[in-house]
N, C-alpha and C. Protein backbone atom coordinates (compact mmCIF):
# COMPACT_ATOMS: atom_id res chain seq x y z
N MET A 1 129.32 130.81 -71.90
CA MET A 1 128.04 130.68 -71.21
C MET A 1 127.86 131.86 -70.26
N GLY A 2 126.64 132.42 -70.26
CA GLY A 2 126.35 133.48 -69.33
C GLY A 2 125.90 132.93 -67.99
N SER A 3 125.48 133.83 -67.12
CA SER A 3 124.97 133.40 -65.83
C SER A 3 123.63 132.72 -66.02
N PRO A 4 123.26 131.83 -65.09
CA PRO A 4 121.93 131.21 -65.19
C PRO A 4 120.84 132.27 -65.15
N VAL A 5 119.77 132.04 -65.86
CA VAL A 5 118.61 132.91 -65.81
C VAL A 5 117.77 132.47 -64.62
N THR A 6 117.51 133.38 -63.71
CA THR A 6 116.69 133.05 -62.55
C THR A 6 115.25 133.45 -62.80
N VAL A 7 114.34 132.59 -62.39
CA VAL A 7 112.92 132.89 -62.46
C VAL A 7 112.33 132.64 -61.08
N ASP A 8 111.86 133.69 -60.45
CA ASP A 8 111.24 133.59 -59.13
C ASP A 8 109.74 133.77 -59.30
N ILE A 9 109.00 132.77 -58.83
CA ILE A 9 107.55 132.74 -59.05
C ILE A 9 106.82 132.82 -57.72
N TRP A 10 106.03 133.87 -57.57
CA TRP A 10 105.18 133.98 -56.38
C TRP A 10 103.82 133.40 -56.73
N SER A 11 103.35 132.48 -55.91
CA SER A 11 102.06 131.83 -56.18
C SER A 11 101.47 131.32 -54.89
N ASP A 12 100.20 130.90 -54.99
CA ASP A 12 99.51 130.30 -53.85
C ASP A 12 98.84 129.02 -54.34
N ILE A 13 98.96 127.97 -53.57
CA ILE A 13 98.36 126.68 -53.94
C ILE A 13 96.85 126.81 -54.14
N ALA A 14 96.22 127.74 -53.46
CA ALA A 14 94.77 127.91 -53.57
C ALA A 14 94.35 128.80 -54.73
N CYS A 15 95.30 129.16 -55.58
CA CYS A 15 95.02 130.06 -56.71
C CYS A 15 94.92 129.26 -58.01
N PRO A 16 93.73 129.18 -58.61
CA PRO A 16 93.58 128.39 -59.85
C PRO A 16 94.41 128.94 -61.00
N TRP A 17 94.57 130.26 -61.06
CA TRP A 17 95.38 130.85 -62.13
C TRP A 17 96.86 130.53 -61.94
N CYS A 18 97.28 130.29 -60.70
CA CYS A 18 98.67 129.91 -60.46
C CYS A 18 98.96 128.52 -61.01
N TYR A 19 98.00 127.62 -60.88
CA TYR A 19 98.13 126.27 -61.43
C TYR A 19 98.26 126.36 -62.96
N LEU A 20 97.38 127.15 -63.56
CA LEU A 20 97.42 127.33 -65.00
C LEU A 20 98.71 128.04 -65.42
N GLY A 21 99.10 129.06 -64.64
CA GLY A 21 100.31 129.80 -64.95
C GLY A 21 101.55 128.94 -64.88
N LYS A 22 101.58 128.01 -63.93
CA LYS A 22 102.71 127.09 -63.82
C LYS A 22 102.87 126.28 -65.10
N HIS A 23 101.77 125.78 -65.61
CA HIS A 23 101.83 124.95 -66.82
C HIS A 23 102.18 125.79 -68.05
N ARG A 24 101.64 126.99 -68.14
CA ARG A 24 101.97 127.84 -69.28
C ARG A 24 103.44 128.25 -69.23
N PHE A 25 103.93 128.58 -68.04
CA PHE A 25 105.35 128.94 -67.94
C PHE A 25 106.23 127.76 -68.34
N GLU A 26 105.88 126.57 -67.86
CA GLU A 26 106.71 125.40 -68.17
C GLU A 26 106.68 125.07 -69.66
N ALA A 27 105.56 125.35 -70.32
CA ALA A 27 105.50 125.16 -71.77
C ALA A 27 106.40 126.18 -72.47
N GLY A 28 106.39 127.41 -71.97
CA GLY A 28 107.26 128.43 -72.53
C GLY A 28 108.72 128.13 -72.29
N LEU A 29 109.02 127.60 -71.10
CA LEU A 29 110.39 127.22 -70.76
C LEU A 29 110.87 126.08 -71.66
N ALA A 30 110.00 125.12 -71.94
CA ALA A 30 110.37 123.98 -72.78
C ALA A 30 110.75 124.42 -74.19
N ALA A 31 110.18 125.54 -74.64
CA ALA A 31 110.47 126.05 -75.99
C ALA A 31 111.69 126.95 -76.02
N PHE A 32 112.29 127.21 -74.89
CA PHE A 32 113.48 128.08 -74.77
C PHE A 32 114.73 127.23 -74.88
N ASP A 33 115.60 127.54 -75.84
CA ASP A 33 116.75 126.66 -76.07
C ASP A 33 117.79 126.72 -74.95
N GLY A 34 117.64 127.69 -74.04
CA GLY A 34 118.55 127.75 -72.89
C GLY A 34 117.90 127.23 -71.62
N ARG A 35 116.87 126.39 -71.78
CA ARG A 35 116.07 125.93 -70.63
C ARG A 35 116.89 125.21 -69.56
N ASP A 36 117.97 124.55 -69.96
CA ASP A 36 118.77 123.81 -68.99
C ASP A 36 119.59 124.74 -68.10
N ASP A 37 119.61 126.03 -68.46
CA ASP A 37 120.39 127.00 -67.69
C ASP A 37 119.46 128.01 -67.01
N VAL A 38 118.25 127.54 -66.65
CA VAL A 38 117.27 128.38 -65.97
C VAL A 38 117.01 127.82 -64.58
N VAL A 39 117.11 128.67 -63.58
CA VAL A 39 116.88 128.26 -62.19
C VAL A 39 115.54 128.83 -61.74
N VAL A 40 114.60 127.93 -61.44
CA VAL A 40 113.24 128.33 -61.07
C VAL A 40 113.02 128.12 -59.57
N THR A 41 112.50 129.13 -58.91
CA THR A 41 112.19 129.04 -57.48
C THR A 41 110.78 129.53 -57.23
N TYR A 42 110.01 128.74 -56.49
CA TYR A 42 108.66 129.13 -56.12
C TYR A 42 108.68 129.81 -54.75
N HIS A 43 107.93 130.90 -54.67
CA HIS A 43 107.88 131.68 -53.43
C HIS A 43 106.44 131.75 -52.90
N SER A 44 106.35 131.96 -51.61
CA SER A 44 105.05 131.93 -50.92
C SER A 44 104.28 133.23 -51.10
N PHE A 45 102.97 133.07 -51.29
CA PHE A 45 102.04 134.19 -51.31
C PHE A 45 100.71 133.67 -50.81
N GLU A 46 100.09 134.37 -49.88
CA GLU A 46 98.80 133.96 -49.35
C GLU A 46 97.71 134.90 -49.84
N LEU A 47 96.83 134.38 -50.67
CA LEU A 47 95.72 135.20 -51.16
C LEU A 47 94.73 135.53 -50.05
N SER A 48 94.50 134.57 -49.16
CA SER A 48 93.53 134.76 -48.07
C SER A 48 94.12 134.21 -46.77
N PRO A 49 95.05 134.95 -46.16
CA PRO A 49 95.73 134.46 -44.97
C PRO A 49 94.82 134.24 -43.77
N ASP A 50 93.62 134.84 -43.80
CA ASP A 50 92.69 134.69 -42.68
C ASP A 50 91.79 133.47 -42.82
N THR A 51 92.00 132.67 -43.86
CA THR A 51 91.18 131.48 -44.06
C THR A 51 91.41 130.46 -42.94
N PRO A 52 90.36 129.93 -42.34
CA PRO A 52 90.56 128.90 -41.32
C PRO A 52 91.05 127.60 -41.94
N VAL A 53 91.72 126.79 -41.15
CA VAL A 53 92.21 125.51 -41.64
C VAL A 53 91.05 124.63 -42.08
N ASP A 54 90.01 124.61 -41.28
CA ASP A 54 88.84 123.80 -41.60
C ASP A 54 87.67 124.71 -41.95
N PHE A 55 87.67 125.20 -43.18
CA PHE A 55 86.59 126.07 -43.63
C PHE A 55 85.34 125.22 -43.85
N ASP A 56 84.24 125.66 -43.26
CA ASP A 56 82.98 124.90 -43.32
C ASP A 56 82.14 125.45 -44.47
N GLY A 57 82.35 124.86 -45.64
CA GLY A 57 81.58 125.30 -46.79
C GLY A 57 82.29 124.98 -48.09
N SER A 58 81.61 125.28 -49.19
CA SER A 58 82.15 125.01 -50.52
C SER A 58 83.00 126.17 -51.00
N GLU A 59 83.61 125.99 -52.16
CA GLU A 59 84.37 127.09 -52.76
C GLU A 59 83.44 128.25 -53.11
N VAL A 60 82.23 127.94 -53.54
CA VAL A 60 81.26 129.00 -53.81
C VAL A 60 80.95 129.76 -52.52
N ASP A 61 80.73 129.03 -51.43
CA ASP A 61 80.45 129.68 -50.14
C ASP A 61 81.59 130.60 -49.74
N PHE A 62 82.81 130.12 -49.92
CA PHE A 62 83.97 130.92 -49.51
C PHE A 62 84.02 132.24 -50.27
N LEU A 63 83.90 132.16 -51.59
CA LEU A 63 84.00 133.37 -52.40
C LEU A 63 82.82 134.31 -52.18
N VAL A 64 81.65 133.74 -51.88
CA VAL A 64 80.49 134.57 -51.61
C VAL A 64 80.64 135.31 -50.28
N HIS A 65 80.98 134.56 -49.24
CA HIS A 65 81.00 135.14 -47.89
C HIS A 65 82.31 135.86 -47.55
N HIS A 66 83.43 135.39 -48.08
CA HIS A 66 84.71 136.01 -47.76
C HIS A 66 85.11 137.09 -48.75
N LYS A 67 84.58 137.02 -49.98
CA LYS A 67 84.94 138.01 -50.98
C LYS A 67 83.79 138.94 -51.35
N GLY A 68 82.59 138.60 -50.87
CA GLY A 68 81.45 139.47 -51.12
C GLY A 68 80.95 139.45 -52.54
N LEU A 69 81.15 138.33 -53.24
CA LEU A 69 80.71 138.23 -54.63
C LEU A 69 79.36 137.51 -54.70
N PRO A 70 78.51 137.87 -55.66
CA PRO A 70 77.22 137.17 -55.82
C PRO A 70 77.44 135.71 -56.20
N ALA A 71 76.59 134.83 -55.70
CA ALA A 71 76.76 133.40 -55.93
C ALA A 71 76.73 133.04 -57.41
N ASP A 72 75.81 133.66 -58.17
CA ASP A 72 75.72 133.35 -59.59
C ASP A 72 77.00 133.75 -60.32
N GLN A 73 77.55 134.89 -59.94
CA GLN A 73 78.80 135.35 -60.56
C GLN A 73 79.94 134.38 -60.23
N VAL A 74 79.97 133.91 -58.99
CA VAL A 74 81.02 132.97 -58.57
C VAL A 74 80.92 131.67 -59.37
N ARG A 75 79.71 131.16 -59.51
CA ARG A 75 79.53 129.90 -60.25
C ARG A 75 79.98 130.06 -61.70
N ARG A 76 79.66 131.20 -62.31
CA ARG A 76 80.09 131.43 -63.69
C ARG A 76 81.62 131.51 -63.77
N MET A 77 82.21 132.19 -62.81
CA MET A 77 83.67 132.31 -62.79
C MET A 77 84.33 130.94 -62.69
N LEU A 78 83.82 130.10 -61.81
CA LEU A 78 84.41 128.77 -61.62
C LEU A 78 84.20 127.90 -62.85
N GLU A 79 83.03 128.02 -63.46
CA GLU A 79 82.77 127.25 -64.69
C GLU A 79 83.74 127.67 -65.80
N GLN A 80 83.96 128.97 -65.93
CA GLN A 80 84.88 129.47 -66.95
C GLN A 80 86.31 129.03 -66.66
N MET A 81 86.69 129.03 -65.37
CA MET A 81 88.03 128.58 -65.00
C MET A 81 88.22 127.11 -65.33
N ALA A 82 87.20 126.31 -65.04
CA ALA A 82 87.28 124.88 -65.33
C ALA A 82 87.39 124.63 -66.83
N GLU A 83 86.65 125.42 -67.62
CA GLU A 83 86.72 125.27 -69.07
C GLU A 83 88.09 125.67 -69.60
N THR A 84 88.64 126.74 -69.07
CA THR A 84 89.97 127.18 -69.49
C THR A 84 91.02 126.13 -69.15
N GLY A 85 90.92 125.58 -67.96
CA GLY A 85 91.87 124.55 -67.56
C GLY A 85 91.76 123.31 -68.43
N GLN A 86 90.54 122.92 -68.74
CA GLN A 86 90.32 121.73 -69.56
C GLN A 86 90.96 121.88 -70.93
N GLN A 87 90.89 123.07 -71.48
CA GLN A 87 91.49 123.34 -72.79
C GLN A 87 93.00 123.14 -72.76
N GLU A 88 93.60 123.23 -71.58
CA GLU A 88 95.06 123.10 -71.46
C GLU A 88 95.47 121.86 -70.69
N GLY A 89 94.53 120.92 -70.56
CA GLY A 89 94.86 119.64 -69.96
C GLY A 89 94.81 119.60 -68.45
N LEU A 90 94.22 120.61 -67.82
CA LEU A 90 94.10 120.64 -66.36
C LEU A 90 92.64 120.44 -65.97
N ARG A 91 92.42 119.66 -64.92
CA ARG A 91 91.05 119.44 -64.46
C ARG A 91 90.85 120.11 -63.10
N TYR A 92 89.87 120.99 -63.05
CA TYR A 92 89.49 121.64 -61.80
C TYR A 92 88.17 121.05 -61.33
N ASP A 93 88.15 120.50 -60.13
CA ASP A 93 86.92 119.98 -59.55
C ASP A 93 86.57 120.86 -58.35
N PHE A 94 85.87 121.96 -58.62
CA PHE A 94 85.57 122.92 -57.56
C PHE A 94 84.51 122.39 -56.59
N ASP A 95 83.74 121.39 -56.99
CA ASP A 95 82.77 120.79 -56.07
C ASP A 95 83.47 119.97 -54.99
N ALA A 96 84.59 119.34 -55.35
CA ALA A 96 85.33 118.51 -54.39
C ALA A 96 86.32 119.31 -53.57
N LEU A 97 86.66 120.50 -54.03
CA LEU A 97 87.71 121.30 -53.41
C LEU A 97 87.41 121.59 -51.94
N ARG A 98 88.44 121.47 -51.10
CA ARG A 98 88.31 121.75 -49.67
C ARG A 98 89.16 122.97 -49.34
N HIS A 99 88.47 124.10 -49.24
CA HIS A 99 89.17 125.36 -49.01
C HIS A 99 89.82 125.35 -47.62
N THR A 100 91.06 125.80 -47.57
CA THR A 100 91.79 125.79 -46.30
C THR A 100 92.87 126.86 -46.31
N ASN A 101 93.49 127.05 -45.18
CA ASN A 101 94.64 127.94 -45.07
C ASN A 101 95.86 127.25 -45.69
N THR A 102 96.61 127.96 -46.52
CA THR A 102 97.70 127.33 -47.27
C THR A 102 99.08 127.58 -46.69
N ARG A 103 99.16 128.19 -45.53
CA ARG A 103 100.48 128.56 -45.02
C ARG A 103 101.38 127.34 -44.80
N LYS A 104 100.83 126.27 -44.25
CA LYS A 104 101.66 125.09 -44.00
C LYS A 104 102.10 124.43 -45.31
N ALA A 105 101.26 124.51 -46.33
CA ALA A 105 101.66 123.99 -47.63
C ALA A 105 102.89 124.76 -48.13
N HIS A 106 102.90 126.07 -47.90
CA HIS A 106 104.06 126.87 -48.29
C HIS A 106 105.31 126.46 -47.50
N GLU A 107 105.12 126.14 -46.24
CA GLU A 107 106.27 125.71 -45.44
C GLU A 107 106.89 124.44 -46.03
N VAL A 108 106.05 123.50 -46.44
CA VAL A 108 106.57 122.25 -47.01
C VAL A 108 107.26 122.52 -48.35
N LEU A 109 106.79 123.50 -49.11
CA LEU A 109 107.44 123.85 -50.36
C LEU A 109 108.85 124.37 -50.13
N HIS A 110 109.07 125.04 -49.01
CA HIS A 110 110.42 125.50 -48.67
C HIS A 110 111.32 124.31 -48.33
N LEU A 111 110.79 123.34 -47.63
CA LEU A 111 111.55 122.13 -47.36
C LEU A 111 111.87 121.41 -48.67
N ALA A 112 110.91 121.35 -49.56
CA ALA A 112 111.12 120.69 -50.85
C ALA A 112 112.19 121.40 -51.67
N LYS A 113 112.27 122.71 -51.54
CA LYS A 113 113.31 123.46 -52.24
C LYS A 113 114.69 123.00 -51.80
N GLU A 114 114.87 122.81 -50.51
CA GLU A 114 116.16 122.37 -50.00
C GLU A 114 116.53 120.98 -50.52
N ASP A 115 115.52 120.17 -50.77
CA ASP A 115 115.76 118.80 -51.25
C ASP A 115 115.71 118.68 -52.76
N GLY A 116 115.54 119.81 -53.45
CA GLY A 116 115.58 119.81 -54.90
C GLY A 116 114.35 119.27 -55.59
N VAL A 117 113.21 119.22 -54.89
CA VAL A 117 111.99 118.70 -55.52
C VAL A 117 110.83 119.70 -55.37
N GLN A 118 111.16 120.97 -55.35
CA GLN A 118 110.11 121.97 -55.14
C GLN A 118 109.10 122.00 -56.28
N ARG A 119 109.59 121.96 -57.53
CA ARG A 119 108.68 121.99 -58.67
C ARG A 119 107.75 120.78 -58.64
N GLU A 120 108.30 119.62 -58.33
CA GLU A 120 107.50 118.41 -58.28
C GLU A 120 106.43 118.48 -57.19
N LEU A 121 106.81 119.04 -56.03
CA LEU A 121 105.82 119.13 -54.95
C LEU A 121 104.75 120.17 -55.28
N ALA A 122 105.15 121.28 -55.89
CA ALA A 122 104.15 122.29 -56.26
C ALA A 122 103.11 121.68 -57.19
N GLU A 123 103.56 120.90 -58.16
CA GLU A 123 102.63 120.24 -59.09
C GLU A 123 101.72 119.27 -58.33
N ARG A 124 102.31 118.51 -57.42
CA ARG A 124 101.51 117.53 -56.66
C ARG A 124 100.47 118.21 -55.79
N LEU A 125 100.84 119.33 -55.17
CA LEU A 125 99.90 120.04 -54.30
C LEU A 125 98.77 120.68 -55.10
N PHE A 126 99.11 121.27 -56.24
CA PHE A 126 98.06 121.86 -57.08
C PHE A 126 97.05 120.80 -57.49
N ALA A 127 97.54 119.65 -57.96
CA ALA A 127 96.64 118.59 -58.40
C ALA A 127 95.80 118.05 -57.24
N ALA A 128 96.44 117.89 -56.08
CA ALA A 128 95.73 117.39 -54.91
C ALA A 128 94.61 118.35 -54.50
N TYR A 129 94.88 119.64 -54.59
CA TYR A 129 93.92 120.64 -54.15
C TYR A 129 92.78 120.83 -55.15
N PHE A 130 93.14 121.02 -56.41
CA PHE A 130 92.13 121.39 -57.39
C PHE A 130 91.44 120.20 -58.07
N THR A 131 92.09 119.04 -58.07
CA THR A 131 91.52 117.90 -58.77
C THR A 131 91.00 116.82 -57.84
N GLN A 132 91.69 116.60 -56.73
CA GLN A 132 91.40 115.44 -55.89
C GLN A 132 90.68 115.77 -54.59
N GLY A 133 90.48 117.03 -54.28
CA GLY A 133 89.78 117.39 -53.06
C GLY A 133 90.51 117.03 -51.79
N ARG A 134 91.84 117.02 -51.83
CA ARG A 134 92.62 116.71 -50.63
C ARG A 134 92.67 117.92 -49.70
N HIS A 135 92.82 117.66 -48.41
CA HIS A 135 92.82 118.72 -47.39
C HIS A 135 94.26 119.14 -47.12
N LEU A 136 94.67 120.26 -47.72
CA LEU A 136 96.07 120.69 -47.63
C LEU A 136 96.36 121.53 -46.39
N GLY A 137 95.42 121.61 -45.48
CA GLY A 137 95.68 122.32 -44.24
C GLY A 137 96.11 121.40 -43.11
N ARG A 138 96.12 120.10 -43.38
CA ARG A 138 96.43 119.12 -42.34
C ARG A 138 97.84 118.55 -42.52
N ASP A 139 98.55 118.45 -41.41
CA ASP A 139 99.94 118.00 -41.45
C ASP A 139 100.08 116.61 -42.08
N ASP A 140 99.23 115.68 -41.67
CA ASP A 140 99.34 114.31 -42.19
C ASP A 140 99.14 114.26 -43.70
N GLU A 141 98.18 115.02 -44.18
CA GLU A 141 97.90 115.04 -45.61
C GLU A 141 99.09 115.62 -46.37
N LEU A 142 99.65 116.71 -45.88
CA LEU A 142 100.80 117.32 -46.52
C LEU A 142 102.00 116.37 -46.51
N ALA A 143 102.19 115.68 -45.40
CA ALA A 143 103.31 114.74 -45.30
C ALA A 143 103.15 113.59 -46.29
N ASP A 144 101.93 113.10 -46.44
CA ASP A 144 101.67 112.03 -47.40
C ASP A 144 102.00 112.47 -48.82
N LEU A 145 101.55 113.67 -49.17
CA LEU A 145 101.79 114.17 -50.52
C LEU A 145 103.27 114.44 -50.76
N ALA A 146 103.93 114.98 -49.74
CA ALA A 146 105.36 115.25 -49.87
C ALA A 146 106.15 113.96 -50.06
N ALA A 147 105.73 112.91 -49.37
CA ALA A 147 106.41 111.62 -49.50
C ALA A 147 106.29 111.07 -50.92
N GLU A 148 105.21 111.41 -51.60
CA GLU A 148 105.02 110.93 -52.97
C GLU A 148 106.06 111.49 -53.93
N VAL A 149 106.66 112.65 -53.61
CA VAL A 149 107.68 113.22 -54.49
C VAL A 149 109.09 112.99 -53.94
N GLY A 150 109.20 112.15 -52.90
CA GLY A 150 110.51 111.76 -52.42
C GLY A 150 110.98 112.36 -51.11
N LEU A 151 110.16 113.19 -50.48
CA LEU A 151 110.55 113.75 -49.19
C LEU A 151 110.29 112.74 -48.08
N ASP A 152 111.03 112.88 -47.00
CA ASP A 152 110.86 112.00 -45.85
C ASP A 152 109.63 112.45 -45.07
N ARG A 153 108.66 111.56 -44.94
CA ARG A 153 107.39 111.92 -44.31
C ARG A 153 107.59 112.41 -42.88
N ASP A 154 108.42 111.70 -42.11
CA ASP A 154 108.64 112.10 -40.71
C ASP A 154 109.33 113.46 -40.63
N GLU A 155 110.24 113.71 -41.55
CA GLU A 155 110.93 115.00 -41.57
C GLU A 155 109.93 116.13 -41.83
N VAL A 156 108.99 115.88 -42.71
CA VAL A 156 107.97 116.89 -43.00
C VAL A 156 107.12 117.17 -41.76
N LEU A 157 106.69 116.13 -41.08
CA LEU A 157 105.87 116.30 -39.88
C LEU A 157 106.62 117.08 -38.80
N ILE A 158 107.89 116.77 -38.62
CA ILE A 158 108.69 117.48 -37.62
C ILE A 158 108.83 118.95 -37.99
N ALA A 159 109.11 119.22 -39.28
CA ALA A 159 109.28 120.60 -39.73
C ALA A 159 108.00 121.41 -39.53
N LEU A 160 106.87 120.77 -39.79
CA LEU A 160 105.59 121.47 -39.60
C LEU A 160 105.30 121.70 -38.12
N GLU A 161 105.57 120.71 -37.31
CA GLU A 161 105.31 120.84 -35.88
C GLU A 161 106.19 121.92 -35.26
N GLU A 162 107.43 122.00 -35.71
CA GLU A 162 108.37 122.97 -35.13
C GLU A 162 108.35 124.32 -35.84
N GLY A 163 107.62 124.41 -36.95
CA GLY A 163 107.58 125.67 -37.69
C GLY A 163 108.91 126.05 -38.29
N THR A 164 109.66 125.06 -38.73
CA THR A 164 111.03 125.28 -39.22
C THR A 164 111.08 126.30 -40.34
N TYR A 165 110.09 126.29 -41.22
CA TYR A 165 110.11 127.16 -42.40
C TYR A 165 109.09 128.28 -42.33
N ALA A 166 108.54 128.51 -41.16
CA ALA A 166 107.54 129.57 -41.01
C ALA A 166 108.13 130.94 -41.33
N ASP A 167 109.35 131.20 -40.87
CA ASP A 167 109.98 132.50 -41.15
C ASP A 167 110.28 132.66 -42.63
N ALA A 168 110.62 131.57 -43.30
CA ALA A 168 110.91 131.64 -44.74
C ALA A 168 109.67 132.05 -45.51
N VAL A 169 108.51 131.56 -45.09
CA VAL A 169 107.26 131.95 -45.72
C VAL A 169 107.02 133.45 -45.53
N THR A 170 107.26 133.92 -44.33
CA THR A 170 107.08 135.35 -44.03
C THR A 170 108.01 136.21 -44.87
N VAL A 171 109.25 135.78 -45.03
CA VAL A 171 110.22 136.52 -45.84
C VAL A 171 109.74 136.64 -47.29
N ASP A 172 109.22 135.54 -47.83
CA ASP A 172 108.69 135.57 -49.20
C ASP A 172 107.56 136.57 -49.34
N ILE A 173 106.65 136.55 -48.38
CA ILE A 173 105.50 137.45 -48.43
C ILE A 173 105.94 138.90 -48.31
N GLU A 174 106.92 139.16 -47.46
CA GLU A 174 107.45 140.52 -47.33
C GLU A 174 108.16 140.98 -48.60
N GLN A 175 108.86 140.06 -49.26
CA GLN A 175 109.52 140.40 -50.51
C GLN A 175 108.49 140.73 -51.59
N ALA A 176 107.41 139.97 -51.61
CA ALA A 176 106.34 140.26 -52.56
C ALA A 176 105.79 141.66 -52.32
N ARG A 177 105.61 142.00 -51.08
CA ARG A 177 105.12 143.34 -50.73
C ARG A 177 106.11 144.41 -51.19
N ALA A 178 107.40 144.14 -51.02
CA ALA A 178 108.43 145.10 -51.43
C ALA A 178 108.43 145.29 -52.95
N TYR A 179 108.15 144.23 -53.68
CA TYR A 179 108.06 144.32 -55.14
C TYR A 179 106.77 144.97 -55.61
N GLY A 180 105.81 145.11 -54.70
CA GLY A 180 104.52 145.66 -55.07
C GLY A 180 103.58 144.64 -55.66
N ILE A 181 103.84 143.35 -55.38
CA ILE A 181 102.99 142.28 -55.90
C ILE A 181 101.70 142.21 -55.08
N THR A 182 100.58 142.33 -55.76
CA THR A 182 99.29 142.27 -55.08
C THR A 182 98.44 141.09 -55.57
N GLY A 183 98.86 140.44 -56.63
CA GLY A 183 98.15 139.29 -57.16
C GLY A 183 99.12 138.28 -57.74
N VAL A 184 98.68 137.05 -57.80
CA VAL A 184 99.53 135.98 -58.31
C VAL A 184 98.78 135.16 -59.36
N PRO A 185 99.53 134.47 -60.25
CA PRO A 185 100.99 134.28 -60.21
C PRO A 185 101.74 135.53 -60.68
N PHE A 186 102.94 135.67 -60.16
CA PHE A 186 103.81 136.77 -60.56
C PHE A 186 105.21 136.21 -60.74
N PHE A 187 105.80 136.50 -61.90
CA PHE A 187 107.09 135.95 -62.27
C PHE A 187 108.12 137.07 -62.33
N VAL A 188 109.27 136.87 -61.69
CA VAL A 188 110.37 137.83 -61.76
C VAL A 188 111.55 137.16 -62.43
N LEU A 189 111.94 137.68 -63.60
CA LEU A 189 113.03 137.11 -64.37
C LEU A 189 114.31 137.91 -64.15
N ASP A 190 115.36 137.19 -63.80
CA ASP A 190 116.69 137.79 -63.64
C ASP A 190 116.69 138.91 -62.59
N GLY A 191 115.73 138.87 -61.69
CA GLY A 191 115.65 139.89 -60.64
C GLY A 191 115.30 141.27 -61.16
N ARG A 192 114.89 141.36 -62.46
CA ARG A 192 114.68 142.67 -63.06
C ARG A 192 113.33 142.85 -63.73
N TYR A 193 112.81 141.79 -64.33
CA TYR A 193 111.61 141.91 -65.14
C TYR A 193 110.45 141.15 -64.51
N GLY A 194 109.31 141.80 -64.39
CA GLY A 194 108.15 141.18 -63.81
C GLY A 194 107.10 140.84 -64.86
N ILE A 195 106.51 139.66 -64.73
CA ILE A 195 105.41 139.25 -65.59
C ILE A 195 104.26 138.86 -64.69
N SER A 196 103.14 139.53 -64.85
CA SER A 196 101.98 139.28 -63.99
C SER A 196 100.96 138.41 -64.71
N GLY A 197 100.48 137.38 -64.03
CA GLY A 197 99.39 136.58 -64.55
C GLY A 197 99.84 135.36 -65.33
N ALA A 198 98.84 134.53 -65.68
CA ALA A 198 99.09 133.30 -66.43
C ALA A 198 99.15 133.62 -67.91
N GLN A 199 100.27 134.21 -68.32
CA GLN A 199 100.45 134.62 -69.71
C GLN A 199 100.63 133.41 -70.63
N SER A 200 100.65 133.65 -71.92
CA SER A 200 100.81 132.57 -72.88
C SER A 200 102.23 132.01 -72.82
N PRO A 201 102.43 130.75 -73.22
CA PRO A 201 103.79 130.19 -73.27
C PRO A 201 104.73 131.04 -74.12
N ASP A 202 104.23 131.58 -75.24
CA ASP A 202 105.07 132.40 -76.11
C ASP A 202 105.60 133.63 -75.39
N THR A 203 104.78 134.20 -74.53
CA THR A 203 105.21 135.38 -73.77
C THR A 203 106.38 135.03 -72.87
N PHE A 204 106.30 133.88 -72.20
CA PHE A 204 107.39 133.47 -71.32
C PHE A 204 108.65 133.14 -72.12
N THR A 205 108.49 132.47 -73.24
CA THR A 205 109.66 132.14 -74.08
C THR A 205 110.36 133.41 -74.53
N ALA A 206 109.59 134.38 -75.01
CA ALA A 206 110.16 135.63 -75.49
C ALA A 206 110.88 136.37 -74.37
N ALA A 207 110.31 136.36 -73.18
CA ALA A 207 110.94 137.05 -72.05
C ALA A 207 112.26 136.39 -71.68
N LEU A 208 112.28 135.06 -71.67
CA LEU A 208 113.52 134.34 -71.37
C LEU A 208 114.58 134.63 -72.43
N GLU A 209 114.18 134.68 -73.69
CA GLU A 209 115.13 134.97 -74.76
C GLU A 209 115.68 136.39 -74.63
N GLN A 210 114.83 137.31 -74.21
CA GLN A 210 115.29 138.69 -74.03
C GLN A 210 116.32 138.78 -72.91
N VAL A 211 116.04 138.11 -71.80
CA VAL A 211 116.98 138.13 -70.67
C VAL A 211 118.31 137.51 -71.09
N ARG A 212 118.27 136.39 -71.78
CA ARG A 212 119.50 135.73 -72.22
C ARG A 212 120.29 136.63 -73.17
N ALA A 213 119.61 137.31 -74.07
CA ALA A 213 120.28 138.20 -75.02
C ALA A 213 120.96 139.36 -74.29
N GLU A 214 120.28 139.90 -73.28
CA GLU A 214 120.85 141.03 -72.55
C GLU A 214 122.03 140.60 -71.69
N GLN A 215 122.00 139.37 -71.21
CA GLN A 215 123.14 138.88 -70.43
C GLN A 215 124.39 138.81 -71.30
N GLY A 216 124.19 138.54 -72.59
CA GLY A 216 125.34 138.44 -73.49
C GLY A 216 125.77 139.76 -74.08
N ASP A 217 125.03 140.82 -73.74
CA ASP A 217 125.34 142.16 -74.27
C ASP A 217 125.66 143.09 -73.13
N PRO A 218 126.96 143.35 -72.88
CA PRO A 218 127.34 144.19 -71.74
C PRO A 218 126.79 145.61 -71.81
N THR A 219 126.42 146.06 -73.02
CA THR A 219 125.88 147.42 -73.13
C THR A 219 124.46 147.52 -72.63
N SER A 220 123.84 146.35 -72.37
CA SER A 220 122.46 146.38 -71.89
C SER A 220 122.36 146.61 -70.39
N GLU A 221 123.47 146.51 -69.69
CA GLU A 221 123.44 146.70 -68.24
C GLU A 221 123.26 148.16 -67.90
N GLU A 222 122.46 148.38 -66.88
CA GLU A 222 122.19 149.76 -66.45
C GLU A 222 123.29 150.26 -65.53
């Protein structure tokens, strides 16, 4: 047996392509015969760190006023995103979505990593944000969602109040900058290969197979 294949994923809960990319990656991972020997870690990335916790407006308003895009273009983009998600079993409800700052959500994901339920919490947060219109900028809401995947609600509230994982979020963002990551989702396999965007499951499977093959071939090391 070779070393475990590591997959480090930079994403943001407020990124619709990250939600789609998570599902496509997991489909690709499921088709990889070495899937039980793959270690997946989610890392923090903030697409819009200046977003207020309580943004007063719709997702269309946010993209129009904060990104400078025409309203008609934004509506078409969101409609296309919803259609793409529907084709792959994901439901995006952009009318219900409550845009907020995602930094605290990232802090809870670091706590979830320590407890071994990071993937489960990431899935829960994506669904809460894009499908259910939950407010992920509020401590109580995050604690409720974290409790659904097995985390201790009071522990989550304490960690958020004390900023226990705030530095960990910063470290992730700085590492993304060091890698030259400017958009998400971004996948780093074995610390060597980068895959940008919500690629097809086949692309992820092939990349995992390549990494595994190179681990078994000492001549492939640089």
